[in-house]
Amino acid sequence: MLHLAEDMEAAVPATGDTAPATAGSSSLSPNVPRDVATLRTLRIAKHFPFFLAVAEEQNLHRAAERLNIAQSALSRRIADLERELGNIELFERQARGVAITKAGQVLATDVRRILLQIEDARRNTRRIAEGDTGVLRVAFSEAMLRRPVLPTVLREFRTLYPEVELRAFPLTSDAQRSRLLTDEIDVAFVIDEITDGDQFARLAVGLDRFVLVLPEDHPLAEKQSVGLAELANEPLLWPARHTSPRLFDRMIAAFDALGVSPNIAVEVSAVDIAYELVAARIGLGVVTAARADRTPPGVVLRDLPDLDLPLPISMLWPKGSASPLIARFVKLVESRLAEPV
């Protein structure tokens, strides 16, 4: 399952007077009471396979052969279980075998269910340990969505591991780093920062660049590339400061270095918004991760060679992670990046 999460905080159902859940316990079930999770419970449970063999065979001798133990040892096991249960008779001894009592029949039903649940727990634990099930939380910036590798990997991961719950979080790069540090996400696709390698495991994914979005009948559309000085008097659509403050400042500095003061008409938070505003003649867009095949009618892209701000994109995940799910996802991304374009 792929879930696009809008809020990282899960809803917590109202509860009554039950004790708070401990680490590793299910929020859907109450904690095991202390008077149940005792050695007495273990002493009872260790007799279950022996009891079930006798209940199914209705004969101590055949049950002992099935378990490959002496009949006398099996009789002691049954007697010990009856004593642990409060001296409750589970079998009636007969000349040709044993007959299970009503109490024994009820216990046999419960024991089968308990043993099946134990086996389910063993299988589930193994599947989680091997990365066949669980939850993987993947976050990404808008720039990553415009690269075919991410949709491809998400689709393929769901096919390979259908029982893994895949959660997707569209977030800014800074928000991804914060949530990666607080273990709210598992994998992040961000615009790279030099310090990322100090805090996270990192894989280079690609390199973005800035382009100019403008109406196809604009005078500058006749050129294949546009200098920043030619934009001095143009109203510009600019990446929003509140979503990417560092990128905003770097772009201002790049314009200032050439003596150009950008005329910022609108700050936009997404490339698609810039496309539509350009088409509406609100201004010219300075955007990253733009693709010519996704531009709306009447809009074209042109290079901005003066705006030399390459934006490397990286995949980040916790250093030293032992998660098999993360390892499998990383391996899948690596394999897709290694394929020829």
C-alpha atoms as a PDB file:
ATOM      1  CA  MET A   1       0.000   0.000   0.000  1.00  0.00           C
ATOM      2  CA  LEU A   2       1.176   3.506  -0.815  1.00  0.00           C
ATOM      3  CA  HIS A   3      -0.092   6.261   1.426  1.00  0.00           C
ATOM      4  CA  LEU A   4       0.464   9.951   0.731  1.00  0.00           C
ATOM      5  CA  ALA A   5       0.671  11.398   4.229  1.00  0.00           C
ATOM      6  CA  GLU A   6      -0.303  14.979   4.894  1.00  0.00           C
ATOM      7  CA  ASP A   7       0.268  14.906   8.643  1.00  0.00           C
ATOM      8  CA  MET A   8       3.014  13.002  10.414  1.00  0.00           C
ATOM      9  CA  GLU A   9       1.039  12.760  13.664  1.00  0.00           C
ATOM     10  CA  ALA A  10      -1.098   9.624  13.855  1.00  0.00           C
ATOM     11  CA  ALA A  11      -4.520   9.914  15.421  1.00  0.00           C
ATOM     12  CA  VAL A  12      -4.653   8.397  18.908  1.00  0.00           C
ATOM     13  CA  PRO A  13      -7.954   6.754  19.823  1.00  0.00           C
ATOM     14  CA  ALA A  14      -9.554   7.615  23.135  1.00  0.00           C
ATOM     15  CA  THR A  15      -9.021   5.026  25.836  1.00  0.00           C
ATOM     16  CA  GLY A  16     -10.548   4.193  29.154  1.00  0.00           C
ATOM     17  CA  ASP A  17      -8.667   3.187  32.277  1.00  0.00           C
ATOM     18  CA  THR A  18      -6.250   0.839  30.557  1.00  0.00           C
ATOM     19  CA  ALA A  19      -2.579   1.189  31.348  1.00  0.00           C
ATOM     20  CA  PRO A  20      -0.443   3.164  28.868  1.00  0.00           C
ATOM     21  CA  ALA A  21       1.113   1.112  26.114  1.00  0.00           C
ATOM     22  CA  THR A  22       4.729   0.135  26.602  1.00  0.00           C
ATOM     23  CA  ALA A  23       7.378   0.096  23.909  1.00  0.00           C
ATOM     24  CA  GLY A  24       6.633  -2.605  21.385  1.00  0.00           C
ATOM     25  CA  SER A  25       3.036  -3.151  22.516  1.00  0.00           C
ATOM     26  CA  SER A  26       0.095  -2.769  20.178  1.00  0.00           C
ATOM     27  CA  SER A  27      -2.101   0.284  20.495  1.00  0.00           C
ATOM     28  CA  LEU A  28      -5.048  -1.951  19.574  1.00  0.00           C
ATOM     29  CA  SER A  29      -4.677  -4.343  22.529  1.00  0.00           C
ATOM     30  CA  PRO A  30      -4.333  -3.827  26.286  1.00  0.00           C
ATOM     31  CA  ASN A  31      -1.106  -4.714  28.033  1.00  0.00           C
ATOM     32  CA  VAL A  32      -0.726  -8.190  29.456  1.00  0.00           C
ATOM     33  CA  PRO A  33      -1.607  -7.964  33.178  1.00  0.00           C
ATOM     34  CA  ARG A  34       1.288  -8.614  35.519  1.00  0.00           C
ATOM     35  CA  ASP A  35      -0.444 -11.557  37.177  1.00  0.00           C
ATOM     36  CA  VAL A  36      -0.631 -13.278  33.763  1.00  0.00           C
ATOM     37  CA  ALA A  37       2.914 -12.583  32.496  1.00  0.00           C
ATOM     38  CA  THR A  38       4.508 -14.756  35.166  1.00  0.00           C
ATOM     39  CA  LEU A  39       6.539 -17.933  35.473  1.00  0.00           C
ATOM     40  CA  ARG A  40       3.287 -19.752  36.277  1.00  0.00           C
ATOM     41  CA  THR A  41       2.063 -19.005  32.758  1.00  0.00           C
ATOM     42  CA  LEU A  42       5.287 -20.370  31.315  1.00  0.00           C
ATOM     43  CA  ARG A  43       5.030 -23.498  33.477  1.00  0.00           C
ATOM     44  CA  ILE A  44       1.550 -24.116  32.084  1.00  0.00           C
ATOM     45  CA  ALA A  45       2.440 -23.340  28.471  1.00  0.00           C
ATOM     46  CA  LYS A  46       5.397 -25.741  28.359  1.00  0.00           C
ATOM     47  CA  HIS A  47       2.976 -28.651  28.788  1.00  0.00           C
ATOM     48  CA  PHE A  48       0.745 -27.685  25.870  1.00  0.00           C
ATOM     49  CA  PRO A  49       2.359 -29.839  23.125  1.00  0.00           C
ATOM     50  CA  PHE A  50       2.183 -32.893  25.378  1.00  0.00           C
ATOM     51  CA  PHE A  51      -1.418 -32.224  26.371  1.00  0.00           C
ATOM     52  CA  LEU A  52      -2.473 -31.695  22.753  1.00  0.00           C
ATOM     53  CA  ALA A  53      -0.881 -34.978  21.637  1.00  0.00           C
ATOM     54  CA  VAL A  54      -2.840 -36.898  24.282  1.00  0.00           C
ATOM     55  CA  ALA A  55      -6.049 -35.004  23.450  1.00  0.00           C
ATOM     56  CA  GLU A  56      -5.715 -35.931  19.775  1.00  0.00           C
ATOM     57  CA  GLU A  57      -4.589 -39.545  20.264  1.00  0.00           C
ATOM     58  CA  GLN A  58      -6.908 -40.333  23.204  1.00  0.00           C
ATOM     59  CA  ASN A  59      -4.217 -42.809  24.199  1.00  0.00           C
ATOM     60  CA  LEU A  60      -1.125 -42.243  26.357  1.00  0.00           C
ATOM     61  CA  HIS A  61       0.922 -44.969  24.672  1.00  0.00           C
ATOM     62  CA  ARG A  62       0.329 -43.663  21.120  1.00  0.00           C
ATOM     63  CA  ALA A  63       0.874 -40.069  22.239  1.00  0.00           C
ATOM     64  CA  ALA A  64       4.173 -41.028  23.909  1.00  0.00           C
ATOM     65  CA  GLU A  65       5.346 -42.743  20.715  1.00  0.00           C
ATOM     66  CA  ARG A  66       4.365 -39.705  18.668  1.00  0.00           C
ATOM     67  CA  LEU A  67       6.381 -37.437  20.979  1.00  0.00           C
ATOM     68  CA  ASN A  68       9.246 -39.939  21.264  1.00  0.00           C
ATOM     69  CA  ILE A  69       9.205 -39.935  25.079  1.00  0.00           C
ATOM     70  CA  ALA A  70       8.459 -42.525  27.721  1.00  0.00           C
ATOM     71  CA  GLN A  71       4.806 -43.029  28.634  1.00  0.00           C
ATOM     72  CA  SER A  72       5.587 -42.465  32.293  1.00  0.00           C
ATOM     73  CA  ALA A  73       7.189 -39.094  31.496  1.00  0.00           C
ATOM     74  CA  LEU A  74       4.118 -38.095  29.472  1.00  0.00           C
ATOM     75  CA  SER A  75       1.814 -39.085  32.360  1.00  0.00           C
ATOM     76  CA  ARG A  76       3.837 -36.845  34.682  1.00  0.00           C
ATOM     77  CA  ARG A  77       3.516 -33.965  32.229  1.00  0.00           C
ATOM     78  CA  ILE A  78      -0.271 -34.289  32.163  1.00  0.00           C
ATOM     79  CA  ALA A  79      -0.415 -34.575  35.959  1.00  0.00           C
ATOM     80  CA  ASP A  80       1.778 -31.474  36.314  1.00  0.00           C
ATOM     81  CA  LEU A  81      -0.485 -29.533  33.932  1.00  0.00           C
ATOM     82  CA  GLU A  82      -3.614 -30.556  35.838  1.00  0.00           C
ATOM     83  CA  ARG A  83      -1.977 -29.415  39.065  1.00  0.00           C
ATOM     84  CA  GLU A  84      -0.862 -26.075  37.592  1.00  0.00           C
ATOM     85  CA  LEU A  85      -4.430 -25.460  36.395  1.00  0.00           C
ATOM     86  CA  GLY A  86      -5.765 -25.942  39.942  1.00  0.00           C
ATOM     87  CA  ASN A  87      -6.125 -29.725  40.121  1.00  0.00           C
ATOM     88  CA  ILE A  88      -8.540 -29.811  37.180  1.00  0.00           C
ATOM     89  CA  GLU A  89      -9.058 -33.223  35.596  1.00  0.00           C
ATOM     90  CA  LEU A  90      -8.363 -33.080  31.870  1.00  0.00           C
ATOM     91  CA  PHE A  91      -8.654 -36.802  31.071  1.00  0.00           C
ATOM     92  CA  GLU A  92     -10.562 -39.732  32.485  1.00  0.00           C
ATOM     93  CA  ARG A  93      -8.365 -42.832  32.661  1.00  0.00           C
ATOM     94  CA  GLN A  94      -9.963 -45.856  31.016  1.00  0.00           C
ATOM     95  CA  ALA A  95      -8.879 -49.430  30.423  1.00  0.00           C
ATOM     96  CA  ARG A  96      -8.053 -48.888  26.754  1.00  0.00           C
ATOM     97  CA  GLY A  97      -6.886 -45.313  26.873  1.00  0.00           C
ATOM     98  CA  VAL A  98      -8.102 -41.960  28.102  1.00  0.00           C
ATOM     99  CA  ALA A  99     -11.185 -39.853  27.422  1.00  0.00           C
ATOM    100  CA  ILE A 100     -10.890 -36.111  27.391  1.00  0.00           C
ATOM    101  CA  THR A 101     -13.152 -34.258  29.830  1.00  0.00           C
ATOM    102  CA  LYS A 102     -15.329 -31.250  29.018  1.00  0.00           C
ATOM    103  CA  ALA A 103     -12.714 -28.984  30.609  1.00  0.00           C
ATOM    104  CA  GLY A 104     -10.044 -30.717  28.571  1.00  0.00           C
ATOM    105  CA  GLN A 105     -11.973 -30.129  25.329  1.00  0.00           C
ATOM    106  CA  VAL A 106     -12.213 -26.404  26.050  1.00  0.00           C
ATOM    107  CA  LEU A 107      -8.500 -26.278  26.871  1.00  0.00           C
ATOM    108  CA  ALA A 108      -7.618 -28.178  23.673  1.00  0.00           C
ATOM    109  CA  THR A 109      -9.455 -25.558  21.587  1.00  0.00           C
ATOM    110  CA  ASP A 110      -7.602 -22.732  23.349  1.00  0.00           C
ATOM    111  CA  VAL A 111      -4.244 -24.495  23.092  1.00  0.00           C
ATOM    112  CA  ARG A 112      -4.590 -24.976  19.320  1.00  0.00           C
ATOM    113  CA  ARG A 113      -5.371 -21.268  18.949  1.00  0.00           C
ATOM    114  CA  ILE A 114      -2.440 -20.253  21.180  1.00  0.00           C
ATOM    115  CA  LEU A 115       0.042 -22.470  19.350  1.00  0.00           C
ATOM    116  CA  LEU A 116      -1.115 -21.126  15.985  1.00  0.00           C
ATOM    117  CA  GLN A 117      -0.673 -17.565  17.277  1.00  0.00           C
ATOM    118  CA  ILE A 118       2.843 -18.421  18.437  1.00  0.00           C
ATOM    119  CA  GLU A 119       3.657 -19.758  14.982  1.00  0.00           C
ATOM    120  CA  ASP A 120       2.153 -16.610  13.400  1.00  0.00           C
ATOM    121  CA  ALA A 121       4.325 -14.492  15.719  1.00  0.00           C
ATOM    122  CA  ARG A 122       7.409 -16.448  14.646  1.00  0.00           C
ATOM    123  CA  ARG A 123       6.590 -15.952  10.951  1.00  0.00           C
ATOM    124  CA  ASN A 124       5.760 -12.274  11.375  1.00  0.00           C
ATOM    125  CA  THR A 125       8.973 -11.631  13.309  1.00  0.00           C
ATOM    126  CA  ARG A 126      10.998 -13.353  10.615  1.00  0.00           C
ATOM    127  CA  ARG A 127       9.263 -11.428   7.823  1.00  0.00           C
ATOM    128  CA  ILE A 128       9.888  -8.092   9.537  1.00  0.00           C
ATOM    129  CA  ALA A 129      13.526  -9.006  10.229  1.00  0.00           C
ATOM    130  CA  GLU A 130      14.016  -9.925   6.564  1.00  0.00           C
ATOM    131  CA  GLY A 131      12.222  -6.815   5.268  1.00  0.00           C
ATOM    132  CA  ASP A 132       9.189  -8.568   3.770  1.00  0.00           C
ATOM    133  CA  THR A 133       6.685  -6.585   5.817  1.00  0.00           C
ATOM    134  CA  GLY A 134       6.516  -3.422   7.899  1.00  0.00           C
ATOM    135  CA  VAL A 135       6.290   0.294   7.100  1.00  0.00           C
ATOM    136  CA  LEU A 136       8.659   2.396   4.987  1.00  0.00           C
ATOM    137  CA  ARG A 137       8.291   6.197   5.139  1.00  0.00           C
ATOM    138  CA  VAL A 138       9.709   7.995   2.093  1.00  0.00           C
ATOM    139  CA  ALA A 139       9.896  11.797   1.868  1.00  0.00           C
ATOM    140  CA  PHE A 140      10.810  13.879  -1.168  1.00  0.00           C
ATOM    141  CA  SER A 141      10.951  17.431  -2.448  1.00  0.00           C
ATOM    142  CA  GLU A 142       9.161  18.636  -5.572  1.00  0.00           C
ATOM    143  CA  ALA A 143      12.405  18.459  -7.536  1.00  0.00           C
ATOM    144  CA  MET A 144      12.584  14.700  -6.973  1.00  0.00           C
ATOM    145  CA  LEU A 145       9.054  14.078  -8.194  1.00  0.00           C
ATOM    146  CA  ARG A 146      10.048  15.400 -11.605  1.00  0.00           C
ATOM    147  CA  ARG A 147      12.700  12.759 -11.981  1.00  0.00           C
ATOM    148  CA  PRO A 148      11.455   9.443 -13.389  1.00  0.00           C
ATOM    149  CA  VAL A 149      13.577   7.401 -10.972  1.00  0.00           C
ATOM    150  CA  LEU A 150      11.386   8.064  -7.917  1.00  0.00           C
ATOM    151  CA  PRO A 151       7.997   7.079  -9.391  1.00  0.00           C
ATOM    152  CA  THR A 152       9.676   4.048 -10.967  1.00  0.00           C
ATOM    153  CA  VAL A 153      11.244   2.914  -7.694  1.00  0.00           C
ATOM    154  CA  LEU A 154       8.056   3.468  -5.680  1.00  0.00           C
ATOM    155  CA  ARG A 155       6.035   1.447  -8.184  1.00  0.00           C
ATOM    156  CA  GLU A 156       8.592  -1.362  -8.348  1.00  0.00           C
ATOM    157  CA  PHE A 157       9.053  -1.508  -4.563  1.00  0.00           C
ATOM    158  CA  ARG A 158       5.298  -1.957  -4.097  1.00  0.00           C
ATOM    159  CA  THR A 159       5.334  -4.798  -6.636  1.00  0.00           C
ATOM    160  CA  LEU A 160       8.301  -6.567  -5.031  1.00  0.00           C
ATOM    161  CA  TYR A 161       7.105  -6.147  -1.442  1.00  0.00           C
ATOM    162  CA  PRO A 162       3.294  -5.976  -1.519  1.00  0.00           C
ATOM    163  CA  GLU A 163       2.967  -6.489   2.234  1.00  0.00           C
ATOM    164  CA  VAL A 164       5.128  -3.460   3.054  1.00  0.00           C
ATOM    165  CA  GLU A 165       3.125  -0.326   3.802  1.00  0.00           C
ATOM    166  CA  LEU A 166       4.753   2.440   1.789  1.00  0.00           C
ATOM    167  CA  ARG A 167       4.054   5.960   3.065  1.00  0.00           C
ATOM    168  CA  ALA A 168       4.980   9.027   1.010  1.00  0.00           C
ATOM    169  CA  PHE A 169       5.601  12.519   2.399  1.00  0.00           C
ATOM    170  CA  PRO A 170       6.048  15.538   0.089  1.00  0.00           C
ATOM    171  CA  LEU A 171       8.202  17.897   2.183  1.00  0.00           C
ATOM    172  CA  THR A 172      10.793  20.627   1.761  1.00  0.00           C
ATOM    173  CA  SER A 173      14.422  19.573   2.072  1.00  0.00           C
ATOM    174  CA  ASP A 174      14.840  21.223   5.491  1.00  0.00           C
ATOM    175  CA  ALA A 175      11.688  19.565   6.822  1.00  0.00           C
ATOM    176  CA  GLN A 176      12.938  16.192   5.595  1.00  0.00           C
ATOM    177  CA  ARG A 177      16.231  16.560   7.442  1.00  0.00           C
ATOM    178  CA  SER A 178      14.459  17.475  10.681  1.00  0.00           C
ATOM    179  CA  ARG A 179      12.101  14.523  10.479  1.00  0.00           C
ATOM    180  CA  LEU A 180      14.856  12.131   9.512  1.00  0.00           C
ATOM    181  CA  LEU A 181      16.737  13.134  12.675  1.00  0.00           C
ATOM    182  CA  THR A 182      13.647  12.560  14.832  1.00  0.00           C
ATOM    183  CA  ASP A 183      12.888   9.176  13.208  1.00  0.00           C
ATOM    184  CA  GLU A 184       9.624  10.382  11.647  1.00  0.00           C
ATOM    185  CA  ILE A 185      10.716   9.280   8.169  1.00  0.00           C
ATOM    186  CA  ASP A 186      13.116   6.593   6.922  1.00  0.00           C
ATOM    187  CA  VAL A 187      14.363   7.916   3.570  1.00  0.00           C
ATOM    188  CA  ALA A 188      14.640  11.487   2.278  1.00  0.00           C
ATOM    189  CA  PHE A 189      15.253  12.976  -1.176  1.00  0.00           C
ATOM    190  CA  VAL A 190      16.652  16.480  -0.687  1.00  0.00           C
ATOM    191  CA  ILE A 191      18.562  19.278  -2.355  1.00  0.00           C
ATOM    192  CA  ASP A 192      22.012  18.422  -1.085  1.00  0.00           C
ATOM    193  CA  GLU A 193      23.896  20.349   1.603  1.00  0.00           C
ATOM    194  CA  ILE A 194      27.622  19.930   2.330  1.00  0.00           C
ATOM    195  CA  THR A 195      26.906  18.870   5.927  1.00  0.00           C
ATOM    196  CA  ASP A 196      24.504  16.061   4.965  1.00  0.00           C
ATOM    197  CA  GLY A 197      27.324  13.520   4.824  1.00  0.00           C
ATOM    198  CA  ASP A 198      28.191  14.254   8.452  1.00  0.00           C
ATOM    199  CA  GLN A 199      24.726  13.335   9.712  1.00  0.00           C
ATOM    200  CA  PHE A 200      23.309  10.829   7.244  1.00  0.00           C
ATOM    201  CA  ALA A 201      24.156   8.055   4.834  1.00  0.00           C
ATOM    202  CA  ARG A 202      23.922   9.617   1.396  1.00  0.00           C
ATOM    203  CA  LEU A 203      23.521   8.621  -2.254  1.00  0.00           C
ATOM    204  CA  ALA A 204      23.847  11.132  -5.105  1.00  0.00           C
ATOM    205  CA  VAL A 205      20.719  11.039  -7.259  1.00  0.00           C
ATOM    206  CA  GLY A 206      21.174  13.807  -9.821  1.00  0.00           C
ATOM    207  CA  LEU A 207      21.779  17.466 -10.514  1.00  0.00           C
ATOM    208  CA  ASP A 208      19.183  20.170 -11.057  1.00  0.00           C
ATOM    209  CA  ARG A 209      19.650  23.579 -12.672  1.00  0.00           C
ATOM    210  CA  PHE A 210      17.633  26.745 -13.043  1.00  0.00           C
ATOM    211  CA  VAL A 211      15.727  27.578 -16.204  1.00  0.00           C
ATOM    212  CA  LEU A 212      13.522  30.454 -17.277  1.00  0.00           C
ATOM    213  CA  VAL A 213       9.831  29.851 -17.990  1.00  0.00           C
ATOM    214  CA  LEU A 214       8.237  32.403 -20.310  1.00  0.00           C
ATOM    215  CA  PRO A 215       5.359  32.761 -22.796  1.00  0.00           C
ATOM    216  CA  GLU A 216       6.256  31.460 -26.232  1.00  0.00           C
ATOM    217  CA  ASP A 217       5.498  34.859 -27.800  1.00  0.00           C
ATOM    218  CA  HIS A 218       7.685  36.825 -25.368  1.00  0.00           C
ATOM    219  CA  PRO A 219      10.592  38.638 -27.118  1.00  0.00           C
ATOM    220  CA  LEU A 220      13.139  36.695 -25.024  1.00  0.00           C
ATOM    221  CA  ALA A 221      11.626  33.389 -26.235  1.00  0.00           C
ATOM    222  CA  GLU A 222      13.437  33.897 -29.550  1.00  0.00           C
ATOM    223  CA  LYS A 223      16.742  33.238 -27.750  1.00  0.00           C
ATOM    224  CA  GLN A 224      17.983  29.801 -26.627  1.00  0.00           C
ATOM    225  CA  SER A 225      19.546  31.256 -23.488  1.00  0.00           C
ATOM    226  CA  VAL A 226      18.858  34.423 -21.499  1.00  0.00           C
ATOM    227  CA  GLY A 227      21.287  36.510 -19.433  1.00  0.00           C
ATOM    228  CA  LEU A 228      20.313  37.743 -15.981  1.00  0.00           C
ATOM    229  CA  ALA A 229      20.858  41.354 -17.068  1.00  0.00           C
ATOM    230  CA  GLU A 230      18.051  40.893 -19.597  1.00  0.00           C
ATOM    231  CA  LEU A 231      15.660  40.137 -16.719  1.00  0.00           C
ATOM    232  CA  ALA A 232      16.320  43.394 -14.852  1.00  0.00           C
ATOM    233  CA  ASN A 233      12.986  44.950 -15.772  1.00  0.00           C
ATOM    234  CA  GLU A 234      10.915  41.765 -15.961  1.00  0.00           C
ATOM    235  CA  PRO A 235       8.453  40.721 -13.214  1.00  0.00           C
ATOM    236  CA  LEU A 236       9.747  37.405 -11.900  1.00  0.00           C
ATOM    237  CA  LEU A 237       8.123  34.376 -10.276  1.00  0.00           C
ATOM    238  CA  TRP A 238      10.581  33.287  -7.588  1.00  0.00           C
ATOM    239  CA  PRO A 239      10.925  30.224  -5.326  1.00  0.00           C
ATOM    240  CA  ALA A 240       9.201  31.114  -2.046  1.00  0.00           C
ATOM    241  CA  ARG A 241      11.387  32.190   0.848  1.00  0.00           C
ATOM    242  CA  HIS A 242       9.219  30.424   3.446  1.00  0.00           C
ATOM    243  CA  THR A 243       9.718  27.014   1.820  1.00  0.00           C
ATOM    244  CA  SER A 244      13.393  27.328   0.810  1.00  0.00           C
ATOM    245  CA  PRO A 245      15.038  30.233   2.653  1.00  0.00           C
ATOM    246  CA  ARG A 246      18.613  29.207   1.831  1.00  0.00           C
ATOM    247  CA  LEU A 247      17.839  28.767  -1.868  1.00  0.00           C
ATOM    248  CA  PHE A 248      16.063  32.140  -1.925  1.00  0.00           C
ATOM    249  CA  ASP A 249      19.130  33.862  -0.464  1.00  0.00           C
ATOM    250  CA  ARG A 250      21.551  32.086  -2.813  1.00  0.00           C
ATOM    251  CA  MET A 251      19.542  33.214  -5.842  1.00  0.00           C
ATOM    252  CA  ILE A 252      19.449  36.816  -4.628  1.00  0.00           C
ATOM    253  CA  ALA A 253      23.225  36.690  -4.126  1.00  0.00           C
ATOM    254  CA  ALA A 254      23.741  35.303  -7.658  1.00  0.00           C
ATOM    255  CA  PHE A 255      21.734  38.190  -9.170  1.00  0.00           C
ATOM    256  CA  ASP A 256      23.510  40.743  -6.949  1.00  0.00           C
ATOM    257  CA  ALA A 257      26.905  39.451  -8.072  1.00  0.00           C
ATOM    258  CA  LEU A 258      26.017  40.546 -11.624  1.00  0.00           C
ATOM    259  CA  GLY A 259      24.611  43.861 -10.466  1.00  0.00           C
ATOM    260  CA  VAL A 260      21.001  42.848 -11.151  1.00  0.00           C
ATOM    261  CA  SER A 261      18.237  43.519  -8.656  1.00  0.00           C
ATOM    262  CA  PRO A 262      15.468  40.963  -9.342  1.00  0.00           C
ATOM    263  CA  ASN A 263      11.929  42.300  -9.605  1.00  0.00           C
ATOM    264  CA  ILE A 264      10.108  39.577  -7.644  1.00  0.00           C
ATOM    265  CA  ALA A 265       6.420  39.758  -8.549  1.00  0.00           C
ATOM    266  CA  VAL A 266       5.240  36.537  -6.865  1.00  0.00           C
ATOM    267  CA  GLU A 267       6.896  33.944  -4.653  1.00  0.00           C
ATOM    268  CA  VAL A 268       5.728  30.448  -5.662  1.00  0.00           C
ATOM    269  CA  SER A 269       6.040  27.151  -3.823  1.00  0.00           C
ATOM    270  CA  ALA A 270       5.797  24.786  -6.807  1.00  0.00           C
ATOM    271  CA  VAL A 271       6.931  24.665 -10.419  1.00  0.00           C
ATOM    272  CA  ASP A 272       3.425  23.864 -11.665  1.00  0.00           C
ATOM    273  CA  ILE A 273       2.159  27.090 -10.078  1.00  0.00           C
ATOM    274  CA  ALA A 274       4.899  29.033 -11.863  1.00  0.00           C
ATOM    275  CA  TYR A 275       3.859  27.440 -15.182  1.00  0.00           C
ATOM    276  CA  GLU A 276       0.264  28.572 -14.785  1.00  0.00           C
ATOM    277  CA  LEU A 277       1.197  32.090 -13.682  1.00  0.00           C
ATOM    278  CA  VAL A 278       3.547  32.462 -16.639  1.00  0.00           C
ATOM    279  CA  ALA A 279       0.756  31.301 -18.949  1.00  0.00           C
ATOM    280  CA  ALA A 280      -1.474  33.941 -17.330  1.00  0.00           C
ATOM    281  CA  ARG A 281       1.167  36.640 -18.097  1.00  0.00           C
ATOM    282  CA  ILE A 282       1.830  37.381 -14.423  1.00  0.00           C
ATOM    283  CA  GLY A 283       5.605  37.186 -14.870  1.00  0.00           C
ATOM    284  CA  LEU A 284       8.557  35.071 -15.975  1.00  0.00           C
ATOM    285  CA  GLY A 285       9.387  32.038 -13.870  1.00  0.00           C
ATOM    286  CA  VAL A 286      12.823  31.180 -12.473  1.00  0.00           C
ATOM    287  CA  VAL A 287      12.458  27.528 -11.529  1.00  0.00           C
ATOM    288  CA  THR A 288      14.334  24.270 -11.050  1.00  0.00           C
ATOM    289  CA  ALA A 289      13.595  20.721 -12.162  1.00  0.00           C
ATOM    290  CA  ALA A 290      11.509  21.925 -15.104  1.00  0.00           C
ATOM    291  CA  ARG A 291      10.812  19.559 -17.988  1.00  0.00           C
ATOM    292  CA  ALA A 292       9.863  20.750 -21.456  1.00  0.00           C
ATOM    293  CA  ASP A 293       7.434  17.849 -21.917  1.00  0.00           C
ATOM    294  CA  ARG A 294       5.395  18.987 -18.911  1.00  0.00           C
ATOM    295  CA  THR A 295       4.951  22.654 -19.811  1.00  0.00           C
ATOM    296  CA  PRO A 296       1.422  23.847 -20.545  1.00  0.00           C
ATOM    297  CA  PRO A 297       0.545  25.138 -24.034  1.00  0.00           C
ATOM    298  CA  GLY A 298       2.004  28.541 -24.840  1.00  0.00           C
ATOM    299  CA  VAL A 299       4.915  28.247 -22.382  1.00  0.00           C
ATOM    300  CA  VAL A 300       8.577  27.549 -23.212  1.00  0.00           C
ATOM    301  CA  LEU A 301      11.809  27.007 -21.280  1.00  0.00           C
ATOM    302  CA  ARG A 302      15.113  28.789 -21.835  1.00  0.00           C
ATOM    303  CA  ASP A 303      18.562  28.336 -20.270  1.00  0.00           C
ATOM    304  CA  LEU A 304      19.978  30.781 -17.711  1.00  0.00           C
ATOM    305  CA  PRO A 305      23.744  30.311 -18.066  1.00  0.00           C
ATOM    306  CA  ASP A 306      24.517  33.251 -15.727  1.00  0.00           C
ATOM    307  CA  LEU A 307      22.629  31.609 -12.862  1.00  0.00           C
ATOM    308  CA  ASP A 308      25.357  29.102 -12.059  1.00  0.00           C
ATOM    309  CA  LEU A 309      23.753  27.437  -9.045  1.00  0.00           C
ATOM    310  CA  PRO A 310      23.815  23.679  -9.615  1.00  0.00           C
ATOM    311  CA  LEU A 311      21.533  21.888  -7.168  1.00  0.00           C
ATOM    312  CA  PRO A 312      22.678  18.337  -6.398  1.00  0.00           C
ATOM    313  CA  ILE A 313      19.889  16.020  -5.235  1.00  0.00           C
ATOM    314  CA  SER A 314      20.694  13.262  -2.756  1.00  0.00           C
ATOM    315  CA  MET A 315      18.908  10.422  -1.041  1.00  0.00           C
ATOM    316  CA  LEU A 316      19.503  10.399   2.726  1.00  0.00           C
ATOM    317  CA  TRP A 317      18.845   7.770   5.385  1.00  0.00           C
ATOM    318  CA  PRO A 318      20.089   7.178   8.965  1.00  0.00           C
ATOM    319  CA  LYS A 319      23.746   6.300   9.306  1.00  0.00           C
ATOM    320  CA  GLY A 320      24.316   2.739  10.472  1.00  0.00           C
ATOM    321  CA  SER A 321      20.699   1.774   9.859  1.00  0.00           C
ATOM    322  CA  ALA A 322      19.993  -1.912  10.404  1.00  0.00           C
ATOM    323  CA  SER A 323      16.567  -1.739   8.721  1.00  0.00           C
ATOM    324  CA  PRO A 324      16.259  -4.343   5.945  1.00  0.00           C
ATOM    325  CA  LEU A 325      13.467  -2.271   4.399  1.00  0.00           C
ATOM    326  CA  ILE A 326      15.726   0.766   4.036  1.00  0.00           C
ATOM    327  CA  ALA A 327      18.528  -1.427   2.690  1.00  0.00           C
ATOM    328  CA  ARG A 328      16.248  -2.916   0.040  1.00  0.00           C
ATOM    329  CA  PHE A 329      14.913   0.494  -0.983  1.00  0.00           C
ATOM    330  CA  VAL A 330      18.429   1.949  -1.255  1.00  0.00           C
ATOM    331  CA  LYS A 331      19.565  -1.024  -3.332  1.00  0.00           C
ATOM    332  CA  LEU A 332      16.608  -0.578  -5.672  1.00  0.00           C
ATOM    333  CA  VAL A 333      17.354   3.147  -6.134  1.00  0.00           C
ATOM    334  CA  GLU A 334      21.026   2.349  -6.807  1.00  0.00           C
ATOM    335  CA  SER A 335      20.101  -0.211  -9.456  1.00  0.00           C
ATOM    336  CA  ARG A 336      17.749   2.174 -11.237  1.00  0.00           C
ATOM    337  CA  LEU A 337      20.294   5.026 -11.191  1.00  0.00           C
ATOM    338  CA  ALA A 338      22.864   2.689 -12.719  1.00  0.00           C
ATOM    339  CA  GLU A 339      20.636   2.028 -15.746  1.00  0.00           C
ATOM    340  CA  PRO A 340      21.417   4.004 -18.935  1.00  0.00           C
ATOM    341  CA  VAL A 341      19.125   6.973 -19.484  1.00  0.00           C
END
